[in-house]
Amino acid sequence: MMKVLCKYNDPDNVPPSVPNSFNFGLELEKEYLVMGIVLAKKQLWYLVDEKSRPSFFPYQLFEVTDASISTRWHFKLYSEDDGIFPFDKEAMWGYYELCFNENHNEQIVDREPGALELYFKRKTEIENNLV
């Protein structure tokens, strides 16, 4: 299970390479389970949740503490013609629906109940080594 430790959150104390520097609402020195990774505009973003709110965060905020990934993770390469949210997405790694349900990413960001329920179901499966 890929895990990361939050090292930065304060907009005045983040690496200069972090896009959109603002308070990300993460807890410093807290370890997070990575549920997915997106490559967009040549930038990696980790899908983690804080206070039951999953979001994508720039990788520079974290230190990898466990680099292993689930054997059930999938990979999806996107093209500009896909028209899938976010429109600048180049590649995705993560649980099946994250990679192959074209609306799931947007639904997570929009906090739609069904998408959140599925996200936390997959998270529980990964935490319990059921996948």
Foldseek 3Di string as FASTA:
>chain_A
DKKWAFADFPLVDFPPVFPPRDRPPDDHRDMWDFQKWWQFPNWIWTFTDDPLQTDTGTPRRIDIPDPDDQPQKDKAADDCVVCAPPSRTGMMIHHDCVRPVRCLNVCSNVVPPVSSVVSVVVVVCVVVVVD
